[in-house]
Amino acid sequence: MPIKSIASSILIDRYGFNKIPIFYDTMSDSFDKHFAVWPERYYLIKDGKIDHIFSPTVDFGFDRDAMKQELQTRLNALEFLSVFVNSVIQ
């Protein structure tokens, strides 16, 4: 059994880390090489596909304000769409 699978099992069995799905990369790190996820990376997923990738700043971190703005913009668009659809169907 690959070491990453063993580590995942320990997180679930020993530490009860079972509230969200756990995924792990292959031993060749193909996901990491493609998506450059280390040390951290934030993605917006839409319809099961990566819709937006937040990139780290040069200061080794993320611009949390830019992330908040992107999320707020998307939420506002959804709210507008919801209000529009409700007004059309009434």
N, C-alpha and C. Protein backbone atom coordinates (compact mmCIF):
# COMPACT_ATOMS: atom_id res chain seq x y z
N MET A 1 0.86 -1.18 0.00
CA MET A 1 0.00 0.00 0.00
C MET A 1 0.90 1.24 0.00
N PRO A 2 0.64 2.19 -0.90
CA PRO A 2 1.47 3.40 -0.96
C PRO A 2 1.42 4.19 0.35
N ILE A 3 2.52 4.83 0.69
CA ILE A 3 2.63 5.58 1.95
C ILE A 3 1.56 6.66 2.06
N LYS A 4 1.19 7.26 0.94
CA LYS A 4 0.17 8.31 0.99
C LYS A 4 -1.19 7.74 1.36
N SER A 5 -1.47 6.53 0.93
CA SER A 5 -2.71 5.86 1.29
C SER A 5 -2.72 5.52 2.78
N ILE A 6 -1.58 5.07 3.28
CA ILE A 6 -1.46 4.76 4.71
C ILE A 6 -1.66 6.02 5.55
N ALA A 7 -1.03 7.11 5.14
CA ALA A 7 -1.17 8.37 5.87
C ALA A 7 -2.63 8.84 5.88
N SER A 8 -3.31 8.69 4.76
CA SER A 8 -4.72 9.07 4.68
C SER A 8 -5.56 8.23 5.63
N SER A 9 -5.29 6.93 5.66
CA SER A 9 -6.02 6.04 6.56
C SER A 9 -5.80 6.41 8.02
N ILE A 10 -4.59 6.80 8.37
CA ILE A 10 -4.29 7.22 9.74
C ILE A 10 -5.08 8.48 10.10
N LEU A 11 -5.13 9.44 9.17
CA LEU A 11 -5.91 10.66 9.43
C LEU A 11 -7.37 10.33 9.72
N ILE A 12 -7.91 9.39 8.96
CA ILE A 12 -9.33 9.03 9.12
C ILE A 12 -9.54 8.19 10.37
N ASP A 13 -8.78 7.09 10.50
CA ASP A 13 -9.00 6.13 11.58
C ASP A 13 -8.55 6.63 12.95
N ARG A 14 -7.36 7.17 13.03
CA ARG A 14 -6.81 7.57 14.32
C ARG A 14 -7.30 8.93 14.78
N TYR A 15 -7.45 9.86 13.84
CA TYR A 15 -7.77 11.23 14.21
C TYR A 15 -9.19 11.66 13.84
N GLY A 16 -9.96 10.75 13.26
CA GLY A 16 -11.35 11.05 12.95
C GLY A 16 -11.54 12.14 11.91
N PHE A 17 -10.56 12.27 11.03
CA PHE A 17 -10.61 13.30 9.99
C PHE A 17 -11.48 12.80 8.86
N ASN A 18 -12.82 12.86 9.05
CA ASN A 18 -13.72 12.27 8.07
C ASN A 18 -14.88 13.18 7.68
N LYS A 19 -14.76 14.45 7.96
CA LYS A 19 -15.84 15.39 7.62
C LYS A 19 -15.82 15.79 6.15
N ILE A 20 -14.65 15.74 5.53
CA ILE A 20 -14.52 16.07 4.11
C ILE A 20 -13.74 14.94 3.43
N PRO A 21 -13.92 14.76 2.14
CA PRO A 21 -13.18 13.71 1.43
C PRO A 21 -11.67 13.99 1.47
N ILE A 22 -10.90 12.95 1.56
CA ILE A 22 -9.44 13.05 1.53
C ILE A 22 -8.96 12.47 0.21
N PHE A 23 -8.16 13.24 -0.49
CA PHE A 23 -7.57 12.79 -1.74
C PHE A 23 -6.06 12.86 -1.59
N TYR A 24 -5.35 11.98 -2.25
CA TYR A 24 -3.89 12.06 -2.22
C TYR A 24 -3.36 11.82 -3.61
N ASP A 25 -2.19 12.36 -3.84
CA ASP A 25 -1.55 12.32 -5.15
C ASP A 25 -0.90 10.95 -5.37
N THR A 26 -0.56 10.67 -6.61
CA THR A 26 0.19 9.46 -6.93
C THR A 26 1.61 9.60 -6.39
N MET A 27 2.34 8.52 -6.35
CA MET A 27 3.73 8.58 -5.87
C MET A 27 4.60 9.42 -6.80
N SER A 28 4.18 9.58 -8.04
CA SER A 28 4.95 10.40 -8.98
C SER A 28 4.58 11.88 -8.87
N ASP A 29 3.63 12.20 -7.98
CA ASP A 29 3.20 13.59 -7.74
C ASP A 29 2.68 14.28 -8.99
N SER A 30 1.96 13.57 -9.83
CA SER A 30 1.48 14.15 -11.08
C SER A 30 0.52 15.32 -10.85
N PHE A 31 -0.35 15.23 -9.85
CA PHE A 31 -1.27 16.33 -9.56
C PHE A 31 -0.49 17.56 -9.12
N ASP A 32 0.45 17.36 -8.22
CA ASP A 32 1.25 18.48 -7.72
C ASP A 32 2.04 19.14 -8.85
N LYS A 33 2.61 18.35 -9.72
CA LYS A 33 3.39 18.90 -10.83
C LYS A 33 2.50 19.70 -11.79
N HIS A 34 1.28 19.24 -11.99
CA HIS A 34 0.38 19.93 -12.91
C HIS A 34 -0.23 21.19 -12.30
N PHE A 35 -0.65 21.12 -11.03
CA PHE A 35 -1.38 22.23 -10.41
C PHE A 35 -0.55 23.05 -9.43
N ALA A 36 0.68 22.67 -9.15
CA ALA A 36 1.59 23.41 -8.26
C ALA A 36 0.90 23.80 -6.95
N VAL A 37 0.51 22.82 -6.18
CA VAL A 37 -0.29 23.07 -4.98
C VAL A 37 0.52 23.37 -3.73
N TRP A 38 1.82 23.21 -3.75
CA TRP A 38 2.59 23.42 -2.53
C TRP A 38 2.98 24.87 -2.39
N PRO A 39 3.03 25.47 -1.23
CA PRO A 39 2.63 24.92 0.07
C PRO A 39 1.13 24.98 0.29
N GLU A 40 0.48 25.87 -0.42
CA GLU A 40 -0.98 25.93 -0.37
C GLU A 40 -1.46 26.56 -1.66
N ARG A 41 -2.65 26.23 -2.05
CA ARG A 41 -3.23 26.81 -3.25
C ARG A 41 -4.73 26.79 -3.05
N TYR A 42 -5.40 27.79 -3.52
CA TYR A 42 -6.86 27.88 -3.39
C TYR A 42 -7.48 27.85 -4.77
N TYR A 43 -8.53 27.05 -4.89
CA TYR A 43 -9.23 26.89 -6.15
C TYR A 43 -10.71 27.18 -5.94
N LEU A 44 -11.35 27.72 -6.96
CA LEU A 44 -12.81 27.77 -6.98
C LEU A 44 -13.26 26.68 -7.94
N ILE A 45 -14.13 25.83 -7.48
CA ILE A 45 -14.63 24.72 -8.29
C ILE A 45 -16.06 25.04 -8.70
N LYS A 46 -16.34 24.91 -9.99
CA LYS A 46 -17.69 25.16 -10.50
C LYS A 46 -18.05 24.02 -11.43
N ASP A 47 -19.19 23.42 -11.18
CA ASP A 47 -19.66 22.29 -11.99
C ASP A 47 -18.62 21.19 -12.09
N GLY A 48 -17.92 20.94 -10.98
CA GLY A 48 -16.95 19.85 -10.92
C GLY A 48 -15.63 20.13 -11.63
N LYS A 49 -15.42 21.38 -12.05
CA LYS A 49 -14.18 21.73 -12.76
C LYS A 49 -13.54 22.95 -12.09
N ILE A 50 -12.23 23.06 -12.21
CA ILE A 50 -11.53 24.22 -11.66
C ILE A 50 -11.92 25.44 -12.48
N ASP A 51 -12.50 26.42 -11.80
CA ASP A 51 -12.98 27.62 -12.47
C ASP A 51 -12.03 28.80 -12.27
N HIS A 52 -11.33 28.81 -11.15
CA HIS A 52 -10.41 29.91 -10.86
C HIS A 52 -9.32 29.39 -9.93
N ILE A 53 -8.08 29.79 -10.20
CA ILE A 53 -6.95 29.42 -9.34
C ILE A 53 -6.36 30.70 -8.77
N PHE A 54 -6.32 30.79 -7.45
CA PHE A 54 -5.68 31.93 -6.81
C PHE A 54 -4.18 31.65 -6.74
N SER A 55 -3.39 32.59 -7.15
CA SER A 55 -1.93 32.43 -7.14
C SER A 55 -1.34 33.15 -5.93
N PRO A 56 -0.26 32.59 -5.40
CA PRO A 56 0.38 33.25 -4.26
C PRO A 56 1.04 34.55 -4.70
N THR A 57 1.18 35.46 -3.76
CA THR A 57 1.88 36.71 -4.04
C THR A 57 3.38 36.48 -3.92
N VAL A 58 4.16 37.47 -4.26
CA VAL A 58 5.61 37.35 -4.16
C VAL A 58 6.08 37.29 -2.72
N ASP A 59 5.22 37.66 -1.79
CA ASP A 59 5.59 37.65 -0.37
C ASP A 59 5.27 36.32 0.30
N PHE A 60 5.14 35.25 -0.47
CA PHE A 60 4.86 33.92 0.07
C PHE A 60 3.56 33.91 0.86
N GLY A 61 2.51 34.08 0.18
CA GLY A 61 1.19 34.06 0.79
C GLY A 61 0.16 34.42 -0.25
N PHE A 62 -1.03 34.62 0.19
CA PHE A 62 -2.11 34.97 -0.71
C PHE A 62 -2.69 36.30 -0.32
N ASP A 63 -3.13 37.02 -1.31
CA ASP A 63 -3.79 38.30 -1.09
C ASP A 63 -5.22 37.97 -0.67
N ARG A 64 -5.43 37.89 0.63
CA ARG A 64 -6.73 37.49 1.16
C ARG A 64 -7.84 38.47 0.73
N ASP A 65 -7.48 39.76 0.60
CA ASP A 65 -8.48 40.73 0.17
C ASP A 65 -8.92 40.47 -1.27
N ALA A 66 -7.98 40.11 -2.13
CA ALA A 66 -8.33 39.79 -3.52
C ALA A 66 -9.18 38.53 -3.58
N MET A 67 -8.88 37.55 -2.73
CA MET A 67 -9.68 36.33 -2.69
C MET A 67 -11.10 36.65 -2.23
N LYS A 68 -11.21 37.48 -1.19
CA LYS A 68 -12.52 37.87 -0.69
C LYS A 68 -13.32 38.61 -1.76
N GLN A 69 -12.65 39.50 -2.47
CA GLN A 69 -13.30 40.27 -3.53
C GLN A 69 -13.82 39.35 -4.64
N GLU A 70 -13.00 38.39 -5.05
CA GLU A 70 -13.41 37.45 -6.10
C GLU A 70 -14.63 36.65 -5.66
N LEU A 71 -14.61 36.16 -4.43
CA LEU A 71 -15.74 35.39 -3.92
C LEU A 71 -16.99 36.28 -3.80
N GLN A 72 -16.81 37.51 -3.33
CA GLN A 72 -17.95 38.42 -3.18
C GLN A 72 -18.55 38.75 -4.55
N THR A 73 -17.70 38.97 -5.54
CA THR A 73 -18.18 39.25 -6.89
C THR A 73 -19.03 38.11 -7.41
N ARG A 74 -18.56 36.89 -7.18
CA ARG A 74 -19.31 35.72 -7.65
C ARG A 74 -20.62 35.56 -6.88
N LEU A 75 -20.58 35.79 -5.57
CA LEU A 75 -21.81 35.69 -4.78
C LEU A 75 -22.81 36.76 -5.19
N ASN A 76 -22.33 37.97 -5.44
CA ASN A 76 -23.23 39.04 -5.90
C ASN A 76 -23.88 38.67 -7.23
N ALA A 77 -23.11 38.06 -8.13
CA ALA A 77 -23.66 37.65 -9.42
C ALA A 77 -24.75 36.59 -9.23
N LEU A 78 -24.51 35.66 -8.32
CA LEU A 78 -25.52 34.63 -8.04
C LEU A 78 -26.77 35.24 -7.43
N GLU A 79 -26.58 36.20 -6.52
CA GLU A 79 -27.72 36.85 -5.89
C GLU A 79 -28.53 37.63 -6.92
N PHE A 80 -27.85 38.34 -7.81
CA PHE A 80 -28.54 39.07 -8.88
C PHE A 80 -29.33 38.11 -9.75
N LEU A 81 -28.70 36.99 -10.12
CA LEU A 81 -29.36 36.00 -10.96
C LEU A 81 -30.59 35.45 -10.27
N SER A 82 -30.47 35.17 -8.96
CA SER A 82 -31.59 34.64 -8.20
C SER A 82 -32.74 35.63 -8.17
N VAL A 83 -32.45 36.90 -7.93
CA VAL A 83 -33.50 37.93 -7.89
C VAL A 83 -34.12 38.07 -9.28
N PHE A 84 -33.31 38.06 -10.31
CA PHE A 84 -33.82 38.18 -11.68
C PHE A 84 -34.74 37.01 -12.02
N VAL A 85 -34.30 35.79 -11.75
CA VAL A 85 -35.11 34.61 -12.05
C VAL A 85 -36.41 34.65 -11.28
N ASN A 86 -36.35 35.02 -10.00
CA ASN A 86 -37.57 35.10 -9.20
C ASN A 86 -38.53 36.14 -9.76
N SER A 87 -38.02 37.27 -10.25
CA SER A 87 -38.91 38.30 -10.80
C SER A 87 -39.53 37.85 -12.12
N VAL A 88 -38.83 37.04 -12.86
CA VAL A 88 -39.36 36.55 -14.15
C VAL A 88 -40.44 35.50 -13.94
N ILE A 89 -40.25 34.63 -12.96
CA ILE A 89 -41.22 33.53 -12.78
C ILE A 89 -42.44 33.95 -11.96
N GLN A 90 -42.43 35.13 -11.38
CA GLN A 90 -43.59 35.56 -10.58
C GLN A 90 -44.63 36.23 -11.41
